[in-house]
Amino acid sequence: MSEHPILALVAGKVPDPARPFTLVVNLEAKPGRGPELAAALAKSQAIRLSRLEPGCMAYDVCQDAEAPDRFVVHECWRNLAALHDHFATPHFAAVGAALGTLLAGLPAIRVLTSVE
């Protein structure tokens, strides 16, 4: 099985795979489908289940109050292995399948590392 493209992107941007990092992911629903996307996220329980993963330090999904088809996902992971484990979970696969038909395009992903 090939590596998930997001994992490959993050691996290329994280200077130390053993250290924590943050992802900021912008999602845009197809026009007028933001409420459906929010409902699909809630129904999947992926947010709650992701927060329970041992390597997850934070996991929040926010809907833009002024543009309800736009969402921002804020994730903090203990290390790259934790993100790898996240991608292997059933809830990640389920939410990905549910959102696939609702998204207007590919997510925009920013990788952030701590300044110390």
N, C-alpha and C. Protein backbone atom coordinates (compact mmCIF):
# COMPACT_ATOMS: atom_id res chain seq x y z
N MET A 1 0.85 -1.18 0.00
CA MET A 1 0.00 0.00 0.00
C MET A 1 0.89 1.24 0.00
N SER A 2 0.54 2.24 -0.80
CA SER A 2 1.36 3.44 -0.88
C SER A 2 1.06 4.37 0.29
N GLU A 3 2.02 5.23 0.56
CA GLU A 3 1.88 6.19 1.65
C GLU A 3 0.81 7.21 1.32
N HIS A 4 0.04 7.61 2.32
CA HIS A 4 -1.00 8.62 2.12
C HIS A 4 -0.34 9.92 1.67
N PRO A 5 -0.90 10.61 0.67
CA PRO A 5 -0.26 11.82 0.14
C PRO A 5 -0.09 12.93 1.17
N ILE A 6 -1.01 13.03 2.13
CA ILE A 6 -0.86 14.05 3.17
C ILE A 6 0.32 13.70 4.07
N LEU A 7 0.48 12.43 4.39
CA LEU A 7 1.61 12.00 5.22
C LEU A 7 2.92 12.30 4.51
N ALA A 8 2.98 12.06 3.23
CA ALA A 8 4.19 12.36 2.45
C ALA A 8 4.47 13.86 2.46
N LEU A 9 3.43 14.67 2.31
CA LEU A 9 3.59 16.13 2.34
C LEU A 9 4.14 16.59 3.69
N VAL A 10 3.53 16.09 4.76
CA VAL A 10 3.95 16.49 6.11
C VAL A 10 5.37 16.01 6.39
N ALA A 11 5.68 14.79 6.02
CA ALA A 11 7.02 14.23 6.26
C ALA A 11 8.09 15.08 5.58
N GLY A 12 7.76 15.65 4.43
CA GLY A 12 8.71 16.49 3.73
C GLY A 12 8.90 17.86 4.34
N LYS A 13 8.00 18.25 5.25
CA LYS A 13 8.06 19.59 5.84
C LYS A 13 8.43 19.62 7.32
N VAL A 14 8.36 18.46 7.97
CA VAL A 14 8.68 18.39 9.40
C VAL A 14 10.17 18.10 9.54
N PRO A 15 10.93 19.03 10.15
CA PRO A 15 12.38 18.82 10.23
C PRO A 15 12.79 17.65 11.12
N ASP A 16 12.01 17.37 12.16
CA ASP A 16 12.33 16.27 13.07
C ASP A 16 11.07 15.44 13.27
N PRO A 17 10.98 14.25 12.67
CA PRO A 17 9.76 13.45 12.76
C PRO A 17 9.43 12.97 14.17
N ALA A 18 10.36 13.11 15.10
CA ALA A 18 10.11 12.68 16.48
C ALA A 18 9.51 13.79 17.34
N ARG A 19 9.40 14.99 16.78
CA ARG A 19 8.90 16.14 17.55
C ARG A 19 7.46 16.49 17.16
N PRO A 20 6.76 17.19 18.06
CA PRO A 20 5.39 17.60 17.76
C PRO A 20 5.31 18.60 16.60
N PHE A 21 4.16 18.63 15.97
CA PHE A 21 3.89 19.58 14.89
C PHE A 21 2.39 19.82 14.83
N THR A 22 2.03 20.87 14.11
CA THR A 22 0.63 21.27 13.96
C THR A 22 0.26 21.30 12.49
N LEU A 23 -0.95 20.89 12.20
CA LEU A 23 -1.50 21.02 10.86
C LEU A 23 -2.69 21.97 10.91
N VAL A 24 -2.74 22.87 9.94
CA VAL A 24 -3.91 23.72 9.75
C VAL A 24 -4.42 23.39 8.35
N VAL A 25 -5.62 22.85 8.31
CA VAL A 25 -6.19 22.34 7.06
C VAL A 25 -7.44 23.16 6.73
N ASN A 26 -7.45 23.77 5.56
CA ASN A 26 -8.62 24.50 5.09
C ASN A 26 -9.43 23.61 4.17
N LEU A 27 -10.70 23.47 4.49
CA LEU A 27 -11.63 22.68 3.70
C LEU A 27 -12.72 23.61 3.16
N GLU A 28 -13.14 23.38 1.95
CA GLU A 28 -14.25 24.14 1.40
C GLU A 28 -15.27 23.17 0.84
N ALA A 29 -16.50 23.31 1.33
CA ALA A 29 -17.59 22.48 0.83
C ALA A 29 -18.06 23.03 -0.51
N LYS A 30 -18.68 22.18 -1.28
CA LYS A 30 -19.32 22.65 -2.50
C LYS A 30 -20.35 23.71 -2.11
N PRO A 31 -20.62 24.67 -2.99
CA PRO A 31 -21.53 25.77 -2.64
C PRO A 31 -22.84 25.29 -2.01
N GLY A 32 -23.11 25.84 -0.82
CA GLY A 32 -24.34 25.53 -0.11
C GLY A 32 -24.34 24.22 0.65
N ARG A 33 -23.23 23.49 0.63
CA ARG A 33 -23.20 22.16 1.26
C ARG A 33 -22.46 22.14 2.60
N GLY A 34 -22.10 23.32 3.11
CA GLY A 34 -21.43 23.41 4.40
C GLY A 34 -22.19 22.74 5.53
N PRO A 35 -23.51 22.97 5.63
CA PRO A 35 -24.25 22.30 6.70
C PRO A 35 -24.19 20.78 6.60
N GLU A 36 -24.20 20.24 5.38
CA GLU A 36 -24.09 18.79 5.20
C GLU A 36 -22.72 18.30 5.63
N LEU A 37 -21.67 19.07 5.31
CA LEU A 37 -20.32 18.70 5.70
C LEU A 37 -20.21 18.68 7.23
N ALA A 38 -20.75 19.71 7.88
CA ALA A 38 -20.73 19.76 9.35
C ALA A 38 -21.48 18.58 9.94
N ALA A 39 -22.61 18.24 9.36
CA ALA A 39 -23.40 17.11 9.86
C ALA A 39 -22.66 15.79 9.66
N ALA A 40 -21.98 15.64 8.52
CA ALA A 40 -21.21 14.42 8.26
C ALA A 40 -20.08 14.27 9.26
N LEU A 41 -19.41 15.37 9.58
CA LEU A 41 -18.34 15.33 10.59
C LEU A 41 -18.90 14.91 11.94
N ALA A 42 -20.01 15.51 12.31
CA ALA A 42 -20.62 15.19 13.62
C ALA A 42 -21.05 13.73 13.67
N LYS A 43 -21.70 13.27 12.62
CA LYS A 43 -22.19 11.89 12.59
C LYS A 43 -21.06 10.87 12.64
N SER A 44 -19.94 11.17 12.00
CA SER A 44 -18.82 10.24 11.95
C SER A 44 -18.13 10.06 13.30
N GLN A 45 -18.27 11.03 14.18
CA GLN A 45 -17.58 11.06 15.48
C GLN A 45 -16.06 11.10 15.32
N ALA A 46 -15.58 11.43 14.13
CA ALA A 46 -14.14 11.44 13.86
C ALA A 46 -13.39 12.44 14.74
N ILE A 47 -14.02 13.56 15.05
CA ILE A 47 -13.35 14.55 15.90
C ILE A 47 -13.11 13.96 17.29
N ARG A 48 -14.15 13.43 17.89
CA ARG A 48 -14.03 12.84 19.23
C ARG A 48 -13.05 11.68 19.23
N LEU A 49 -13.15 10.82 18.22
CA LEU A 49 -12.28 9.64 18.17
C LEU A 49 -10.82 10.04 17.92
N SER A 50 -10.60 11.06 17.10
CA SER A 50 -9.23 11.51 16.87
C SER A 50 -8.61 12.05 18.15
N ARG A 51 -9.40 12.79 18.92
CA ARG A 51 -8.90 13.35 20.19
C ARG A 51 -8.50 12.26 21.18
N LEU A 52 -9.08 11.08 21.05
CA LEU A 52 -8.77 9.96 21.94
C LEU A 52 -7.49 9.21 21.56
N GLU A 53 -6.98 9.47 20.37
CA GLU A 53 -5.77 8.77 19.93
C GLU A 53 -4.59 9.20 20.81
N PRO A 54 -3.72 8.25 21.17
CA PRO A 54 -2.61 8.56 22.08
C PRO A 54 -1.66 9.66 21.56
N GLY A 55 -1.48 9.77 20.26
CA GLY A 55 -0.56 10.76 19.72
C GLY A 55 -1.17 12.09 19.39
N CYS A 56 -2.49 12.22 19.62
CA CYS A 56 -3.19 13.47 19.31
C CYS A 56 -3.11 14.42 20.50
N MET A 57 -2.58 15.60 20.26
CA MET A 57 -2.48 16.62 21.31
C MET A 57 -3.64 17.62 21.22
N ALA A 58 -4.20 17.80 20.05
CA ALA A 58 -5.36 18.67 19.84
C ALA A 58 -5.98 18.33 18.49
N TYR A 59 -7.30 18.47 18.41
CA TYR A 59 -7.99 18.21 17.15
C TYR A 59 -9.30 18.99 17.18
N ASP A 60 -9.37 20.05 16.40
CA ASP A 60 -10.56 20.89 16.37
C ASP A 60 -10.95 21.17 14.93
N VAL A 61 -12.24 21.20 14.69
CA VAL A 61 -12.77 21.57 13.38
C VAL A 61 -13.72 22.74 13.61
N CYS A 62 -13.49 23.82 12.87
CA CYS A 62 -14.30 25.02 13.03
C CYS A 62 -14.92 25.41 11.69
N GLN A 63 -16.17 25.86 11.76
CA GLN A 63 -16.87 26.32 10.57
C GLN A 63 -16.87 27.85 10.60
N ASP A 64 -16.57 28.45 9.46
CA ASP A 64 -16.51 29.91 9.35
C ASP A 64 -17.91 30.50 9.53
N ALA A 65 -18.07 31.39 10.48
CA ALA A 65 -19.37 32.00 10.77
C ALA A 65 -19.87 32.87 9.62
N GLU A 66 -18.96 33.43 8.85
CA GLU A 66 -19.35 34.32 7.75
C GLU A 66 -19.41 33.61 6.40
N ALA A 67 -18.80 32.45 6.30
CA ALA A 67 -18.78 31.67 5.05
C ALA A 67 -18.97 30.21 5.43
N PRO A 68 -20.23 29.77 5.63
CA PRO A 68 -20.49 28.44 6.19
C PRO A 68 -20.06 27.25 5.34
N ASP A 69 -19.55 27.50 4.14
CA ASP A 69 -19.00 26.41 3.34
C ASP A 69 -17.51 26.23 3.59
N ARG A 70 -16.92 27.08 4.44
CA ARG A 70 -15.49 27.00 4.74
C ARG A 70 -15.26 26.48 6.16
N PHE A 71 -14.25 25.61 6.26
CA PHE A 71 -13.90 24.99 7.54
C PHE A 71 -12.39 25.05 7.72
N VAL A 72 -11.98 25.09 8.99
CA VAL A 72 -10.57 25.02 9.33
C VAL A 72 -10.40 23.89 10.34
N VAL A 73 -9.47 22.99 10.04
CA VAL A 73 -9.12 21.90 10.96
C VAL A 73 -7.78 22.25 11.57
N HIS A 74 -7.70 22.20 12.89
CA HIS A 74 -6.46 22.49 13.62
C HIS A 74 -6.10 21.20 14.36
N GLU A 75 -4.96 20.62 13.99
CA GLU A 75 -4.52 19.35 14.57
C GLU A 75 -3.10 19.49 15.11
N CYS A 76 -2.86 18.96 16.29
CA CYS A 76 -1.50 18.90 16.83
C CYS A 76 -1.19 17.43 17.12
N TRP A 77 -0.04 16.99 16.62
CA TRP A 77 0.38 15.59 16.76
C TRP A 77 1.71 15.50 17.47
N ARG A 78 1.84 14.47 18.30
CA ARG A 78 3.05 14.27 19.11
C ARG A 78 4.28 14.03 18.24
N ASN A 79 4.07 13.36 17.09
CA ASN A 79 5.17 13.07 16.17
C ASN A 79 4.59 12.54 14.86
N LEU A 80 5.44 12.32 13.90
CA LEU A 80 4.99 11.85 12.59
C LEU A 80 4.37 10.45 12.67
N ALA A 81 4.90 9.61 13.54
CA ALA A 81 4.33 8.27 13.72
C ALA A 81 2.88 8.34 14.19
N ALA A 82 2.56 9.32 15.03
CA ALA A 82 1.18 9.48 15.51
C ALA A 82 0.24 9.83 14.36
N LEU A 83 0.70 10.68 13.44
CA LEU A 83 -0.13 11.02 12.28
C LEU A 83 -0.29 9.78 11.39
N HIS A 84 0.77 9.04 11.22
CA HIS A 84 0.70 7.79 10.45
C HIS A 84 -0.36 6.86 11.05
N ASP A 85 -0.34 6.70 12.36
CA ASP A 85 -1.33 5.86 13.04
C ASP A 85 -2.74 6.39 12.84
N HIS A 86 -2.89 7.73 12.87
CA HIS A 86 -4.20 8.36 12.67
C HIS A 86 -4.77 7.99 11.31
N PHE A 87 -3.93 8.02 10.27
CA PHE A 87 -4.39 7.70 8.93
C PHE A 87 -4.81 6.24 8.79
N ALA A 88 -4.37 5.40 9.70
CA ALA A 88 -4.72 3.97 9.65
C ALA A 88 -6.00 3.64 10.41
N THR A 89 -6.62 4.64 11.05
CA THR A 89 -7.81 4.37 11.85
C THR A 89 -9.06 4.24 10.97
N PRO A 90 -10.02 3.45 11.41
CA PRO A 90 -11.27 3.34 10.66
C PRO A 90 -12.03 4.67 10.58
N HIS A 91 -11.96 5.48 11.64
CA HIS A 91 -12.71 6.75 11.61
C HIS A 91 -12.11 7.74 10.60
N PHE A 92 -10.80 7.70 10.38
CA PHE A 92 -10.21 8.56 9.35
C PHE A 92 -10.70 8.14 7.97
N ALA A 93 -10.70 6.86 7.72
CA ALA A 93 -11.17 6.36 6.42
C ALA A 93 -12.65 6.68 6.22
N ALA A 94 -13.44 6.51 7.25
CA ALA A 94 -14.88 6.75 7.14
C ALA A 94 -15.20 8.21 6.89
N VAL A 95 -14.54 9.10 7.60
CA VAL A 95 -14.83 10.52 7.41
C VAL A 95 -14.31 10.98 6.05
N GLY A 96 -13.20 10.44 5.61
CA GLY A 96 -12.69 10.79 4.28
C GLY A 96 -13.66 10.41 3.19
N ALA A 97 -14.26 9.24 3.31
CA ALA A 97 -15.24 8.78 2.32
C ALA A 97 -16.50 9.65 2.38
N ALA A 98 -16.93 10.00 3.58
CA ALA A 98 -18.14 10.81 3.73
C ALA A 98 -17.97 12.22 3.18
N LEU A 99 -16.79 12.78 3.35
CA LEU A 99 -16.56 14.16 2.93
C LEU A 99 -16.22 14.28 1.45
N GLY A 100 -15.74 13.21 0.86
CA GLY A 100 -15.28 13.24 -0.52
C GLY A 100 -16.27 13.84 -1.49
N THR A 101 -17.55 13.55 -1.34
CA THR A 101 -18.55 14.07 -2.26
C THR A 101 -19.01 15.48 -1.91
N LEU A 102 -18.63 15.96 -0.74
CA LEU A 102 -19.08 17.28 -0.28
C LEU A 102 -18.05 18.38 -0.51
N LEU A 103 -16.79 18.02 -0.70
CA LEU A 103 -15.73 19.02 -0.83
C LEU A 103 -15.67 19.61 -2.24
N ALA A 104 -15.39 20.90 -2.29
CA ALA A 104 -15.27 21.60 -3.57
C ALA A 104 -13.93 21.33 -4.23
N GLY A 105 -12.95 20.92 -3.45
CA GLY A 105 -11.61 20.67 -3.99
C GLY A 105 -10.73 20.04 -2.93
N LEU A 106 -9.47 19.93 -3.24
CA LEU A 106 -8.52 19.34 -2.29
C LEU A 106 -8.31 20.26 -1.09
N PRO A 107 -8.04 19.69 0.08
CA PRO A 107 -7.74 20.52 1.24
C PRO A 107 -6.43 21.29 1.04
N ALA A 108 -6.37 22.48 1.61
CA ALA A 108 -5.13 23.26 1.65
C ALA A 108 -4.51 23.01 3.02
N ILE A 109 -3.27 22.52 3.04
CA ILE A 109 -2.64 22.07 4.28
C ILE A 109 -1.40 22.90 4.58
N ARG A 110 -1.36 23.41 5.81
CA ARG A 110 -0.14 24.10 6.29
C ARG A 110 0.44 23.26 7.40
N VAL A 111 1.76 23.11 7.39
CA VAL A 111 2.48 22.37 8.41
C VAL A 111 3.24 23.39 9.25
N LEU A 112 3.01 23.38 10.55
CA LEU A 112 3.65 24.33 11.46
C LEU A 112 4.48 23.58 12.48
N THR A 113 5.64 24.12 12.79
CA THR A 113 6.49 23.54 13.83
C THR A 113 6.76 24.60 14.88
N SER A 114 7.00 24.17 16.08
CA SER A 114 7.21 25.06 17.21
C SER A 114 8.55 25.79 17.10
N VAL A 115 8.51 27.04 17.49
CA VAL A 115 9.73 27.84 17.57
C VAL A 115 10.19 27.82 19.02
N GLU A 116 11.40 27.33 19.22
CA GLU A 116 11.92 27.23 20.59
C GLU A 116 13.27 27.89 20.70
